[in-house]
Amino acid sequence: MDDAMAKPSVSPGARKPNQANPVHKRVARILKGSASFDDRFVPDHAELQEVIAQLRSMDCVIVFTTGVWDLFHVGHAEYIARGKEEARRHYPDAEHIILVAGVDTDKLTKERKGPKRPIVPEDERCRVLSHLREVDILTLQYEANQLYKLVEHDVRVISQSTQDLPADFDDIKNECEHLVNLPPQAETSTSARIRTLAVDGGLETLDRVSARLLKAIEEARNELGG
């Protein structure tokens, strides 16, 4: 047989079997549970939308929540786990439920919480969240309340303790099928822990100053007495 007839022609630039779309590869790793941090952390919002669109085309249920996650504590972990559980309750037959967690940048956190926050920088906060099995995708929130319209989702998880949600609460409801509004999941909070650290630190400083002051008074008395 002629060689020209034996080999099918391939046009220049045609996709080869091993040249799969990088987004498809990333999505496949996320679904299989083999994704690295770099697969799951998507700070570029255009790329994030592409990943979300691919997942939705595969009938994945998208759950979305966002926060600062500063000084990560058990309440944060329970909140995320409970949010994903509620999504499963709404979609019991879903094969894949993907939770997307937004993380406020350091700049946005300072605007929201004050110049002394966050205590933990954004890169470390993202790394901590990445160790939770419930979190499938991480992204950054650069402006207040920007992600809930950008991330196409089925379930939105919010906290009853959040003070700066959009003024028009109906906006949130219109962006998803189900809104899960959870109470605080622990008696502690980041703000409470910071206050405790500040008080404890203040008491330690007071003790040190008092000891030095008493010593100085005693030395002055000895000099005067002498």
N, C-alpha and C. Protein backbone atom coordinates (compact mmCIF):
# COMPACT_ATOMS: atom_id res chain seq x y z
N MET A 1 0.85 -1.19 0.00
CA MET A 1 0.00 0.00 0.00
C MET A 1 0.88 1.23 0.00
N ASP A 2 0.48 2.23 -0.75
CA ASP A 2 1.20 3.50 -0.84
C ASP A 2 1.24 4.14 0.54
N ASP A 3 2.42 4.71 0.92
CA ASP A 3 2.57 5.36 2.22
C ASP A 3 1.59 6.51 2.39
N ALA A 4 1.32 7.23 1.31
CA ALA A 4 0.40 8.36 1.37
C ALA A 4 -1.00 7.90 1.71
N MET A 5 -1.35 6.66 1.28
CA MET A 5 -2.68 6.14 1.57
C MET A 5 -2.72 5.50 2.95
N ALA A 6 -1.57 5.02 3.42
CA ALA A 6 -1.55 4.31 4.71
C ALA A 6 -1.66 5.26 5.89
N LYS A 7 -1.16 6.51 5.77
CA LYS A 7 -1.16 7.45 6.89
C LYS A 7 -2.20 8.54 6.67
N PRO A 8 -3.12 8.70 7.63
CA PRO A 8 -4.10 9.78 7.49
C PRO A 8 -3.40 11.12 7.55
N SER A 9 -3.86 12.03 6.75
CA SER A 9 -3.25 13.36 6.74
C SER A 9 -3.70 14.15 7.96
N VAL A 10 -2.80 14.97 8.51
CA VAL A 10 -3.10 15.83 9.65
C VAL A 10 -2.80 17.26 9.24
N SER A 11 -3.78 18.12 9.32
CA SER A 11 -3.58 19.50 8.91
C SER A 11 -2.72 20.22 9.93
N PRO A 12 -1.90 21.18 9.46
CA PRO A 12 -1.03 21.93 10.38
C PRO A 12 -1.88 22.59 11.47
N GLY A 13 -1.41 22.52 12.70
CA GLY A 13 -2.11 23.17 13.81
C GLY A 13 -3.23 22.35 14.40
N ALA A 14 -3.50 21.17 13.83
CA ALA A 14 -4.58 20.34 14.38
C ALA A 14 -4.19 19.84 15.77
N ARG A 15 -5.20 19.73 16.67
CA ARG A 15 -4.94 19.29 18.03
C ARG A 15 -4.58 17.81 18.06
N LYS A 16 -3.50 17.49 18.74
CA LYS A 16 -3.08 16.11 18.92
C LYS A 16 -3.74 15.56 20.18
N PRO A 17 -3.88 14.25 20.29
CA PRO A 17 -4.55 13.65 21.45
C PRO A 17 -3.96 14.06 22.79
N ASN A 18 -2.64 14.29 22.85
CA ASN A 18 -2.00 14.61 24.13
C ASN A 18 -1.95 16.11 24.39
N GLN A 19 -2.63 16.90 23.59
CA GLN A 19 -2.64 18.35 23.77
C GLN A 19 -4.01 18.80 24.28
N ALA A 20 -4.46 18.23 25.37
CA ALA A 20 -5.75 18.58 25.94
C ALA A 20 -5.74 20.01 26.47
N ASN A 21 -6.92 20.62 26.48
CA ASN A 21 -7.08 21.96 27.01
C ASN A 21 -6.60 21.98 28.46
N PRO A 22 -5.70 22.95 28.83
CA PRO A 22 -5.20 23.01 30.21
C PRO A 22 -6.30 23.14 31.25
N VAL A 23 -7.37 23.86 30.91
CA VAL A 23 -8.49 23.99 31.83
C VAL A 23 -9.16 22.65 32.06
N HIS A 24 -9.31 21.85 30.98
CA HIS A 24 -9.90 20.53 31.11
C HIS A 24 -9.05 19.65 32.02
N LYS A 25 -7.73 19.74 31.88
CA LYS A 25 -6.83 18.95 32.71
C LYS A 25 -6.96 19.36 34.18
N ARG A 26 -7.01 20.67 34.40
CA ARG A 26 -7.14 21.18 35.78
C ARG A 26 -8.44 20.72 36.39
N VAL A 27 -9.53 20.83 35.65
CA VAL A 27 -10.84 20.41 36.14
C VAL A 27 -10.85 18.92 36.44
N ALA A 28 -10.22 18.14 35.58
CA ALA A 28 -10.17 16.69 35.80
C ALA A 28 -9.45 16.37 37.09
N ARG A 29 -8.35 17.07 37.38
CA ARG A 29 -7.60 16.83 38.62
C ARG A 29 -8.42 17.24 39.84
N ILE A 30 -9.17 18.34 39.72
CA ILE A 30 -10.02 18.78 40.82
C ILE A 30 -11.08 17.73 41.13
N LEU A 31 -11.69 17.21 40.09
CA LEU A 31 -12.75 16.22 40.28
C LEU A 31 -12.21 14.90 40.82
N LYS A 32 -10.99 14.54 40.43
CA LYS A 32 -10.40 13.29 40.89
C LYS A 32 -9.80 13.41 42.28
N GLY A 33 -9.67 14.65 42.79
CA GLY A 33 -9.07 14.84 44.10
C GLY A 33 -7.56 14.81 44.09
N SER A 34 -6.96 14.93 42.90
CA SER A 34 -5.51 14.89 42.79
C SER A 34 -4.91 16.27 42.49
N ALA A 35 -5.73 17.31 42.60
CA ALA A 35 -5.29 18.66 42.25
C ALA A 35 -4.29 19.19 43.26
N SER A 36 -3.28 19.89 42.76
CA SER A 36 -2.31 20.56 43.61
C SER A 36 -2.88 21.90 44.07
N PHE A 37 -2.15 22.58 44.94
CA PHE A 37 -2.58 23.92 45.36
C PHE A 37 -2.68 24.84 44.15
N ASP A 38 -1.72 24.76 43.24
CA ASP A 38 -1.74 25.62 42.06
C ASP A 38 -2.93 25.34 41.16
N ASP A 39 -3.42 24.10 41.15
CA ASP A 39 -4.63 23.78 40.40
C ASP A 39 -5.86 24.44 41.03
N ARG A 40 -5.90 24.40 42.35
CA ARG A 40 -7.10 24.82 43.07
C ARG A 40 -7.13 26.32 43.33
N PHE A 41 -5.96 26.96 43.37
CA PHE A 41 -5.89 28.40 43.62
C PHE A 41 -5.95 29.14 42.29
N VAL A 42 -7.03 29.90 42.09
CA VAL A 42 -7.25 30.57 40.80
C VAL A 42 -7.49 32.06 41.06
N PRO A 43 -6.44 32.86 41.20
CA PRO A 43 -6.60 34.29 41.51
C PRO A 43 -7.05 35.12 40.32
N ASP A 44 -6.82 34.61 39.11
CA ASP A 44 -7.26 35.32 37.90
C ASP A 44 -8.74 35.04 37.67
N HIS A 45 -9.56 36.08 37.71
CA HIS A 45 -11.01 35.88 37.67
C HIS A 45 -11.51 35.42 36.31
N ALA A 46 -10.86 35.83 35.24
CA ALA A 46 -11.27 35.34 33.92
C ALA A 46 -11.02 33.84 33.82
N GLU A 47 -9.89 33.41 34.32
CA GLU A 47 -9.56 31.98 34.33
C GLU A 47 -10.52 31.23 35.26
N LEU A 48 -10.84 31.85 36.38
CA LEU A 48 -11.79 31.25 37.33
C LEU A 48 -13.14 31.00 36.66
N GLN A 49 -13.63 31.97 35.93
CA GLN A 49 -14.92 31.82 35.25
C GLN A 49 -14.88 30.69 34.23
N GLU A 50 -13.73 30.52 33.59
CA GLU A 50 -13.59 29.45 32.61
C GLU A 50 -13.64 28.08 33.30
N VAL A 51 -12.96 28.00 34.45
CA VAL A 51 -12.98 26.74 35.22
C VAL A 51 -14.39 26.43 35.71
N ILE A 52 -15.08 27.44 36.24
CA ILE A 52 -16.44 27.25 36.75
C ILE A 52 -17.38 26.84 35.62
N ALA A 53 -17.24 27.47 34.46
CA ALA A 53 -18.10 27.14 33.32
C ALA A 53 -17.89 25.68 32.90
N GLN A 54 -16.64 25.23 32.91
CA GLN A 54 -16.34 23.84 32.55
C GLN A 54 -16.98 22.88 33.55
N LEU A 55 -16.87 23.20 34.84
CA LEU A 55 -17.45 22.35 35.87
C LEU A 55 -18.97 22.31 35.75
N ARG A 56 -19.59 23.44 35.48
CA ARG A 56 -21.04 23.48 35.36
C ARG A 56 -21.52 22.71 34.13
N SER A 57 -20.70 22.72 33.09
CA SER A 57 -21.07 21.97 31.89
C SER A 57 -21.06 20.47 32.15
N MET A 58 -20.40 20.07 33.24
CA MET A 58 -20.33 18.66 33.62
C MET A 58 -21.31 18.34 34.75
N ASP A 59 -22.29 19.24 34.94
CA ASP A 59 -23.37 19.06 35.93
C ASP A 59 -22.88 19.11 37.37
N CYS A 60 -21.77 19.78 37.61
CA CYS A 60 -21.31 19.97 38.98
C CYS A 60 -22.15 21.06 39.65
N VAL A 61 -22.45 20.87 40.91
CA VAL A 61 -23.13 21.88 41.71
C VAL A 61 -22.05 22.78 42.33
N ILE A 62 -22.20 24.08 42.16
CA ILE A 62 -21.20 25.02 42.64
C ILE A 62 -21.71 25.70 43.91
N VAL A 63 -20.92 25.59 44.97
CA VAL A 63 -21.20 26.26 46.24
C VAL A 63 -20.17 27.37 46.40
N PHE A 64 -20.64 28.53 46.84
CA PHE A 64 -19.73 29.67 46.96
C PHE A 64 -19.85 30.32 48.33
N THR A 65 -18.70 30.63 48.92
CA THR A 65 -18.65 31.41 50.15
C THR A 65 -17.40 32.26 50.12
N THR A 66 -17.36 33.28 50.95
CA THR A 66 -16.19 34.15 50.97
C THR A 66 -15.99 34.71 52.36
N GLY A 67 -14.76 35.13 52.64
CA GLY A 67 -14.46 35.69 53.95
C GLY A 67 -13.02 36.12 54.04
N VAL A 68 -12.64 36.56 55.22
CA VAL A 68 -11.25 36.94 55.48
C VAL A 68 -10.46 35.72 55.92
N TRP A 69 -11.05 34.90 56.78
CA TRP A 69 -10.42 33.68 57.30
C TRP A 69 -9.12 33.99 58.02
N ASP A 70 -9.12 35.07 58.80
CA ASP A 70 -7.93 35.50 59.53
C ASP A 70 -7.85 34.73 60.85
N LEU A 71 -6.64 34.37 61.28
CA LEU A 71 -6.44 33.56 62.48
C LEU A 71 -7.44 32.40 62.47
N PHE A 72 -7.31 31.55 61.48
CA PHE A 72 -8.28 30.48 61.21
C PHE A 72 -8.54 29.66 62.48
N HIS A 73 -9.83 29.45 62.79
CA HIS A 73 -10.20 28.72 64.00
C HIS A 73 -11.31 27.72 63.69
N VAL A 74 -11.74 26.98 64.71
CA VAL A 74 -12.70 25.89 64.52
C VAL A 74 -14.03 26.40 63.96
N GLY A 75 -14.41 27.61 64.30
CA GLY A 75 -15.66 28.15 63.76
C GLY A 75 -15.63 28.28 62.25
N HIS A 76 -14.47 28.69 61.71
CA HIS A 76 -14.31 28.78 60.26
C HIS A 76 -14.47 27.40 59.62
N ALA A 77 -13.79 26.42 60.19
CA ALA A 77 -13.82 25.07 59.63
C ALA A 77 -15.24 24.49 59.67
N GLU A 78 -15.92 24.66 60.78
CA GLU A 78 -17.29 24.14 60.92
C GLU A 78 -18.23 24.85 59.95
N TYR A 79 -18.04 26.13 59.76
CA TYR A 79 -18.86 26.93 58.85
C TYR A 79 -18.76 26.40 57.42
N ILE A 80 -17.54 26.15 56.97
CA ILE A 80 -17.33 25.65 55.62
C ILE A 80 -17.91 24.24 55.47
N ALA A 81 -17.64 23.38 56.46
CA ALA A 81 -18.17 22.01 56.39
C ALA A 81 -19.69 22.01 56.41
N ARG A 82 -20.28 22.83 57.26
CA ARG A 82 -21.74 22.89 57.35
C ARG A 82 -22.33 23.43 56.04
N GLY A 83 -21.68 24.41 55.44
CA GLY A 83 -22.17 24.96 54.17
C GLY A 83 -22.22 23.91 53.08
N LYS A 84 -21.19 23.08 53.00
CA LYS A 84 -21.17 22.04 51.97
C LYS A 84 -22.20 20.97 52.28
N GLU A 85 -22.41 20.67 53.56
CA GLU A 85 -23.44 19.71 53.94
C GLU A 85 -24.83 20.19 53.52
N GLU A 86 -25.08 21.48 53.71
CA GLU A 86 -26.38 22.04 53.32
C GLU A 86 -26.57 21.96 51.81
N ALA A 87 -25.49 22.16 51.06
CA ALA A 87 -25.58 22.04 49.61
C ALA A 87 -25.94 20.62 49.21
N ARG A 88 -25.36 19.64 49.87
CA ARG A 88 -25.69 18.23 49.58
C ARG A 88 -27.14 17.94 49.93
N ARG A 89 -27.66 18.58 50.93
CA ARG A 89 -29.06 18.38 51.29
C ARG A 89 -29.97 18.91 50.19
N HIS A 90 -29.58 20.02 49.58
CA HIS A 90 -30.38 20.59 48.49
C HIS A 90 -30.23 19.80 47.20
N TYR A 91 -29.06 19.17 47.00
CA TYR A 91 -28.78 18.43 45.77
C TYR A 91 -28.31 17.02 46.12
N PRO A 92 -29.18 16.19 46.66
CA PRO A 92 -28.76 14.86 47.13
C PRO A 92 -28.28 13.93 46.02
N ASP A 93 -28.69 14.19 44.79
CA ASP A 93 -28.32 13.30 43.68
C ASP A 93 -27.10 13.79 42.91
N ALA A 94 -26.54 14.93 43.32
CA ALA A 94 -25.39 15.49 42.59
C ALA A 94 -24.16 14.60 42.77
N GLU A 95 -23.49 14.32 41.66
CA GLU A 95 -22.28 13.51 41.72
C GLU A 95 -21.11 14.31 42.26
N HIS A 96 -21.04 15.58 41.89
CA HIS A 96 -19.94 16.43 42.33
C HIS A 96 -20.50 17.75 42.86
N ILE A 97 -20.13 18.08 44.09
CA ILE A 97 -20.44 19.38 44.67
C ILE A 97 -19.12 20.09 44.91
N ILE A 98 -18.93 21.20 44.22
CA ILE A 98 -17.66 21.93 44.24
C ILE A 98 -17.82 23.20 45.07
N LEU A 99 -17.01 23.33 46.10
CA LEU A 99 -17.06 24.53 46.93
C LEU A 99 -15.94 25.49 46.54
N VAL A 100 -16.34 26.70 46.21
CA VAL A 100 -15.40 27.77 45.86
C VAL A 100 -15.34 28.75 47.03
N ALA A 101 -14.15 28.95 47.57
CA ALA A 101 -13.97 29.86 48.70
C ALA A 101 -13.22 31.11 48.26
N GLY A 102 -13.84 32.26 48.45
CA GLY A 102 -13.17 33.52 48.18
C GLY A 102 -12.42 33.99 49.42
N VAL A 103 -11.26 34.59 49.21
CA VAL A 103 -10.43 35.08 50.31
C VAL A 103 -10.16 36.57 50.09
N ASP A 104 -10.57 37.40 51.04
CA ASP A 104 -10.33 38.83 50.91
C ASP A 104 -8.83 39.11 50.91
N THR A 105 -8.37 39.95 49.99
CA THR A 105 -6.96 40.31 49.94
C THR A 105 -6.59 41.11 51.18
N ASP A 106 -5.30 41.26 51.41
CA ASP A 106 -4.82 42.06 52.54
C ASP A 106 -5.34 43.50 52.42
N LYS A 107 -5.29 44.04 51.22
CA LYS A 107 -5.74 45.42 51.00
C LYS A 107 -7.22 45.58 51.34
N LEU A 108 -8.04 44.66 50.85
CA LEU A 108 -9.48 44.73 51.13
C LEU A 108 -9.76 44.52 52.61
N THR A 109 -9.01 43.63 53.24
CA THR A 109 -9.20 43.38 54.67
C THR A 109 -8.91 44.62 55.50
N LYS A 110 -7.87 45.35 55.14
CA LYS A 110 -7.57 46.60 55.84
C LYS A 110 -8.70 47.60 55.68
N GLU A 111 -9.27 47.65 54.49
CA GLU A 111 -10.39 48.57 54.25
C GLU A 111 -11.61 48.18 55.08
N ARG A 112 -11.85 46.89 55.22
CA ARG A 112 -13.03 46.39 55.93
C ARG A 112 -12.84 46.34 57.43
N LYS A 113 -11.64 45.91 57.88
CA LYS A 113 -11.42 45.60 59.29
C LYS A 113 -10.54 46.60 60.03
N GLY A 114 -9.84 47.46 59.27
CA GLY A 114 -8.96 48.41 59.92
C GLY A 114 -7.50 48.17 59.58
N PRO A 115 -6.63 49.15 59.84
CA PRO A 115 -5.23 49.09 59.40
C PRO A 115 -4.39 48.00 60.05
N LYS A 116 -4.84 47.45 61.18
CA LYS A 116 -4.05 46.41 61.85
C LYS A 116 -4.43 45.00 61.41
N ARG A 117 -5.35 44.89 60.51
CA ARG A 117 -5.76 43.57 59.99
C ARG A 117 -5.33 43.46 58.53
N PRO A 118 -5.10 42.26 58.01
CA PRO A 118 -5.21 40.99 58.72
C PRO A 118 -3.97 40.70 59.57
N ILE A 119 -4.13 39.78 60.50
CA ILE A 119 -2.99 39.31 61.28
C ILE A 119 -2.15 38.36 60.42
N VAL A 120 -2.83 37.52 59.65
CA VAL A 120 -2.17 36.53 58.78
C VAL A 120 -2.27 37.01 57.34
N PRO A 121 -1.18 37.07 56.58
CA PRO A 121 -1.21 37.55 55.19
C PRO A 121 -2.00 36.63 54.27
N GLU A 122 -2.46 37.18 53.15
CA GLU A 122 -3.38 36.47 52.26
C GLU A 122 -2.83 35.16 51.71
N ASP A 123 -1.54 35.13 51.39
CA ASP A 123 -1.00 33.89 50.84
C ASP A 123 -1.06 32.75 51.85
N GLU A 124 -0.81 33.08 53.12
CA GLU A 124 -0.87 32.04 54.16
C GLU A 124 -2.32 31.66 54.45
N ARG A 125 -3.23 32.62 54.42
CA ARG A 125 -4.64 32.31 54.65
C ARG A 125 -5.16 31.37 53.57
N CYS A 126 -4.73 31.59 52.33
CA CYS A 126 -5.13 30.70 51.23
C CYS A 126 -4.56 29.30 51.43
N ARG A 127 -3.31 29.22 51.86
CA ARG A 127 -2.68 27.92 52.08
C ARG A 127 -3.40 27.14 53.17
N VAL A 128 -3.78 27.83 54.24
CA VAL A 128 -4.50 27.16 55.34
C VAL A 128 -5.82 26.60 54.83
N LEU A 129 -6.58 27.41 54.09
CA LEU A 129 -7.86 26.94 53.55
C LEU A 129 -7.69 25.75 52.62
N SER A 130 -6.59 25.73 51.90
CA SER A 130 -6.38 24.66 50.92
C SER A 130 -6.27 23.29 51.57
N HIS A 131 -6.01 23.25 52.87
CA HIS A 131 -5.88 21.97 53.56
C HIS A 131 -7.23 21.41 54.00
N LEU A 132 -8.30 22.17 53.82
CA LEU A 132 -9.63 21.65 54.16
C LEU A 132 -10.15 20.81 53.00
N ARG A 133 -10.58 19.60 53.28
CA ARG A 133 -11.04 18.71 52.22
C ARG A 133 -12.31 19.24 51.55
N GLU A 134 -13.08 20.09 52.27
CA GLU A 134 -14.32 20.61 51.68
C GLU A 134 -14.07 21.69 50.64
N VAL A 135 -12.90 22.31 50.66
CA VAL A 135 -12.60 23.42 49.75
C VAL A 135 -11.98 22.86 48.47
N ASP A 136 -12.66 23.10 47.35
CA ASP A 136 -12.18 22.59 46.06
C ASP A 136 -11.43 23.64 45.26
N ILE A 137 -11.88 24.89 45.35
CA ILE A 137 -11.26 25.97 44.58
C ILE A 137 -11.14 27.20 45.48
N LEU A 138 -10.01 27.90 45.34
CA LEU A 138 -9.75 29.13 46.09
C LEU A 138 -9.51 30.27 45.12
N THR A 139 -10.00 31.44 45.49
CA THR A 139 -9.72 32.62 44.68
C THR A 139 -9.63 33.82 45.59
N LEU A 140 -9.15 34.94 45.07
CA LEU A 140 -9.02 36.16 45.86
C LEU A 140 -10.15 37.13 45.54
N GLN A 141 -10.59 37.84 46.56
CA GLN A 141 -11.57 38.91 46.37
C GLN A 141 -10.84 40.24 46.54
N TYR A 142 -10.80 41.01 45.47
CA TYR A 142 -10.03 42.25 45.45
C TYR A 142 -10.87 43.47 45.85
N GLU A 143 -12.18 43.39 45.64
CA GLU A 143 -13.09 44.47 45.99
C GLU A 143 -14.27 43.89 46.76
N ALA A 144 -14.86 44.68 47.62
CA ALA A 144 -15.95 44.19 48.46
C ALA A 144 -17.11 43.68 47.60
N ASN A 145 -17.59 42.48 47.93
CA ASN A 145 -18.78 41.89 47.31
C ASN A 145 -18.69 41.75 45.79
N GLN A 146 -17.49 41.57 45.25
CA GLN A 146 -17.37 41.45 43.80
C GLN A 146 -17.57 40.01 43.31
N LEU A 147 -17.29 39.04 44.17
CA LEU A 147 -17.24 37.66 43.69
C LEU A 147 -18.61 37.01 43.54
N TYR A 148 -19.60 37.43 44.33
CA TYR A 148 -20.86 36.69 44.29
C TYR A 148 -21.58 36.85 42.95
N LYS A 149 -21.26 37.91 42.22
CA LYS A 149 -21.82 38.06 40.87
C LYS A 149 -20.90 37.44 39.81
N LEU A 150 -19.63 37.38 40.10
CA LEU A 150 -18.66 36.88 39.14
C LEU A 150 -18.66 35.35 39.08
N VAL A 151 -18.81 34.71 40.25
CA VAL A 151 -18.80 33.25 40.32
C VAL A 151 -20.22 32.74 40.14
N GLU A 152 -20.50 32.09 39.03
CA GLU A 152 -21.82 31.53 38.81
C GLU A 152 -21.99 30.31 39.72
N HIS A 153 -22.96 30.37 40.64
CA HIS A 153 -23.08 29.33 41.64
C HIS A 153 -24.54 28.97 41.89
N ASP A 154 -24.71 27.79 42.49
CA ASP A 154 -26.04 27.28 42.81
C ASP A 154 -26.41 27.53 44.27
N VAL A 155 -25.42 27.49 45.14
CA VAL A 155 -25.64 27.67 46.57
C VAL A 155 -24.68 28.72 47.10
N ARG A 156 -25.20 29.70 47.83
CA ARG A 156 -24.36 30.71 48.47
C ARG A 156 -24.44 30.51 49.97
N VAL A 157 -23.29 30.45 50.61
CA VAL A 157 -23.22 30.29 52.05
C VAL A 157 -22.76 31.62 52.66
N ILE A 158 -23.57 32.14 53.58
CA ILE A 158 -23.21 33.39 54.26
C ILE A 158 -23.36 33.18 55.76
N SER A 159 -22.79 34.10 56.53
CA SER A 159 -22.86 34.03 57.98
C SER A 159 -23.79 35.12 58.51
N GLN A 160 -24.56 34.77 59.50
CA GLN A 160 -25.46 35.74 60.13
C GLN A 160 -24.68 36.86 60.82
N SER A 161 -23.40 36.63 61.09
CA SER A 161 -22.59 37.63 61.78
C SER A 161 -21.93 38.63 60.84
N THR A 162 -22.05 38.40 59.52
CA THR A 162 -21.43 39.32 58.56
C THR A 162 -22.16 40.65 58.54
N GLN A 163 -21.40 41.74 58.68
CA GLN A 163 -22.02 43.07 58.81
C GLN A 163 -22.06 43.87 57.52
N ASP A 164 -21.25 43.51 56.53
CA ASP A 164 -21.14 44.37 55.34
C ASP A 164 -21.55 43.64 54.06
N LEU A 165 -22.67 42.92 54.12
CA LEU A 165 -23.25 42.35 52.91
C LEU A 165 -23.82 43.48 52.05
N PRO A 166 -24.08 43.23 50.76
CA PRO A 166 -24.66 44.27 49.92
C PRO A 166 -25.94 44.83 50.53
N ALA A 167 -26.14 46.13 50.39
CA ALA A 167 -27.32 46.79 50.98
C ALA A 167 -28.61 46.15 50.49
N ASP A 168 -28.64 45.81 49.20
CA ASP A 168 -29.81 45.15 48.64
C ASP A 168 -29.62 43.65 48.74
N PHE A 169 -30.14 43.08 49.83
CA PHE A 169 -29.93 41.66 50.10
C PHE A 169 -30.52 40.78 49.01
N ASP A 170 -31.53 41.27 48.29
CA ASP A 170 -32.15 40.49 47.23
C ASP A 170 -31.17 40.21 46.10
N ASP A 171 -30.14 41.05 45.96
CA ASP A 171 -29.12 40.81 44.94
C ASP A 171 -28.46 39.46 45.13
N ILE A 172 -28.18 39.12 46.37
CA ILE A 172 -27.54 37.84 46.67
C ILE A 172 -28.46 36.69 46.32
N LYS A 173 -29.73 36.82 46.71
CA LYS A 173 -30.69 35.76 46.46
C LYS A 173 -30.89 35.52 44.96
N ASN A 174 -30.80 36.58 44.18
CA ASN A 174 -31.03 36.45 42.74
C ASN A 174 -29.88 35.78 42.00
N GLU A 175 -28.72 35.66 42.65
CA GLU A 175 -27.56 35.10 41.99
C GLU A 175 -27.41 33.59 42.19
N CYS A 176 -28.33 32.97 42.95
CA CYS A 176 -28.20 31.55 43.21
C CYS A 176 -29.57 30.92 43.45
N GLU A 177 -29.60 29.60 43.41
CA GLU A 177 -30.84 28.87 43.66
C GLU A 177 -31.14 28.78 45.16
N HIS A 178 -30.10 28.62 45.96
CA HIS A 178 -30.30 28.41 47.40
C HIS A 178 -29.34 29.30 48.19
N LEU A 179 -29.87 29.96 49.20
CA LEU A 179 -29.07 30.79 50.09
C LEU A 179 -29.03 30.12 51.46
N VAL A 180 -27.83 29.80 51.93
CA VAL A 180 -27.65 29.16 53.24
C VAL A 180 -27.08 30.21 54.19
N ASN A 181 -27.89 30.62 55.17
CA ASN A 181 -27.50 31.67 56.11
C ASN A 181 -27.23 31.02 57.46
N LEU A 182 -25.96 30.84 57.80
CA LEU A 182 -25.59 30.07 58.99
C LEU A 182 -25.27 30.97 60.18
N PRO A 183 -25.65 30.53 61.38
CA PRO A 183 -25.23 31.25 62.59
C PRO A 183 -23.75 30.97 62.84
N PRO A 184 -23.09 31.74 63.71
CA PRO A 184 -21.70 31.44 64.06
C PRO A 184 -21.58 30.00 64.53
N GLN A 185 -20.54 29.31 64.08
CA GLN A 185 -20.38 27.89 64.36
C GLN A 185 -19.49 27.60 65.57
N ALA A 186 -19.07 28.65 66.28
CA ALA A 186 -18.25 28.46 67.48
C ALA A 186 -18.42 29.68 68.37
N GLU A 187 -18.10 29.52 69.64
CA GLU A 187 -18.22 30.62 70.57
C GLU A 187 -17.12 31.65 70.36
N THR A 188 -16.02 31.23 69.76
CA THR A 188 -14.92 32.15 69.53
C THR A 188 -15.08 32.85 68.18
N SER A 189 -14.29 33.88 67.96
CA SER A 189 -14.22 34.58 66.69
C SER A 189 -12.83 35.17 66.56
N THR A 190 -12.47 35.57 65.35
CA THR A 190 -11.15 36.17 65.15
C THR A 190 -11.01 37.44 65.97
N SER A 191 -12.06 38.27 65.94
CA SER A 191 -12.01 39.54 66.69
C SER A 191 -11.83 39.28 68.18
N ALA A 192 -12.56 38.26 68.70
CA ALA A 192 -12.45 37.95 70.12
C ALA A 192 -11.04 37.48 70.47
N ARG A 193 -10.45 36.69 69.58
CA ARG A 193 -9.10 36.20 69.84
C ARG A 193 -8.09 37.35 69.82
N ILE A 194 -8.29 38.29 68.91
CA ILE A 194 -7.39 39.43 68.84
C ILE A 194 -7.51 40.26 70.10
N ARG A 195 -8.74 40.45 70.59
CA ARG A 195 -8.93 41.20 71.83
C ARG A 195 -8.25 40.50 73.00
N THR A 196 -8.37 39.17 73.05
CA THR A 196 -7.74 38.41 74.12
C THR A 196 -6.22 38.55 74.07
N LEU A 197 -5.67 38.46 72.87
CA LEU A 197 -4.22 38.61 72.72
C LEU A 197 -3.78 40.00 73.14
N ALA A 198 -4.58 41.01 72.77
CA ALA A 198 -4.25 42.39 73.12
C ALA A 198 -4.30 42.59 74.63
N VAL A 199 -5.35 42.05 75.26
CA VAL A 199 -5.48 42.18 76.71
C VAL A 199 -4.35 41.45 77.43
N ASP A 200 -4.11 40.20 77.01
CA ASP A 200 -3.04 39.42 77.63
C ASP A 200 -1.69 40.12 77.46
N GLY A 201 -1.46 40.63 76.26
CA GLY A 201 -0.20 41.34 76.01
C GLY A 201 -0.11 42.60 76.85
N GLY A 202 -1.26 43.29 76.99
CA GLY A 202 -1.28 44.50 77.80
C GLY A 202 -1.00 44.21 79.26
N LEU A 203 -1.56 43.11 79.78
CA LEU A 203 -1.34 42.74 81.17
C LEU A 203 0.12 42.36 81.41
N GLU A 204 0.70 41.65 80.44
CA GLU A 204 2.11 41.28 80.58
C GLU A 204 2.99 42.52 80.61
N THR A 205 2.67 43.49 79.74
CA THR A 205 3.43 44.73 79.71
C THR A 205 3.27 45.48 81.03
N LEU A 206 2.03 45.52 81.56
CA LEU A 206 1.77 46.20 82.83
C LEU A 206 2.56 45.55 83.96
N ASP A 207 2.61 44.21 83.97
CA ASP A 207 3.36 43.50 85.00
C ASP A 207 4.84 43.86 84.94
N ARG A 208 5.39 43.92 83.73
CA ARG A 208 6.80 44.24 83.57
C ARG A 208 7.09 45.67 84.03
N VAL A 209 6.21 46.59 83.61
CA VAL A 209 6.40 48.00 83.98
C VAL A 209 6.26 48.18 85.49
N SER A 210 5.28 47.49 86.08
CA SER A 210 5.06 47.60 87.53
C SER A 210 6.28 47.10 88.30
N ALA A 211 6.84 45.98 87.84
CA ALA A 211 8.02 45.43 88.52
C ALA A 211 9.19 46.40 88.44
N ARG A 212 9.38 46.99 87.26
CA ARG A 212 10.47 47.95 87.11
C ARG A 212 10.24 49.19 87.95
N LEU A 213 8.98 49.63 88.00
CA LEU A 213 8.64 50.82 88.77
C LEU A 213 8.89 50.60 90.26
N LEU A 214 8.46 49.43 90.75
CA LEU A 214 8.67 49.11 92.16
C LEU A 214 10.17 49.05 92.49
N LYS A 215 10.95 48.48 91.56
CA LYS A 215 12.39 48.40 91.77
C LYS A 215 13.01 49.79 91.81
N ALA A 216 12.54 50.67 90.90
CA ALA A 216 13.07 52.04 90.86
C ALA A 216 12.72 52.78 92.15
N ILE A 217 11.50 52.59 92.65
CA ILE A 217 11.08 53.25 93.89
C ILE A 217 11.92 52.76 95.06
N GLU A 218 12.17 51.44 95.10
CA GLU A 218 12.97 50.87 96.18
C GLU A 218 14.39 51.42 96.14
N GLU A 219 14.97 51.53 94.92
CA GLU A 219 16.33 52.06 94.80
C GLU A 219 16.37 53.52 95.23
N ALA A 220 15.33 54.29 94.87
CA ALA A 220 15.29 55.70 95.27
C ALA A 220 15.20 55.83 96.78
N ARG A 221 14.39 54.98 97.41
CA ARG A 221 14.26 55.01 98.86
C ARG A 221 15.59 54.72 99.56
N ASN A 222 16.31 53.71 99.00
CA ASN A 222 17.60 53.34 99.59
C ASN A 222 18.59 54.49 99.49
N GLU A 223 18.58 55.18 98.31
CA GLU A 223 19.50 56.30 98.15
C GLU A 223 19.16 57.42 99.11
N LEU A 224 17.88 57.72 99.25
CA LEU A 224 17.46 58.79 100.16
C LEU A 224 17.75 58.42 101.61
N GLY A 225 17.56 57.15 101.91
CA GLY A 225 17.80 56.71 103.28
C GLY A 225 19.26 56.71 103.63
N GLY A 226 20.10 56.54 102.62
CA GLY A 226 21.53 56.49 102.87
C GLY A 226 22.10 57.87 103.06
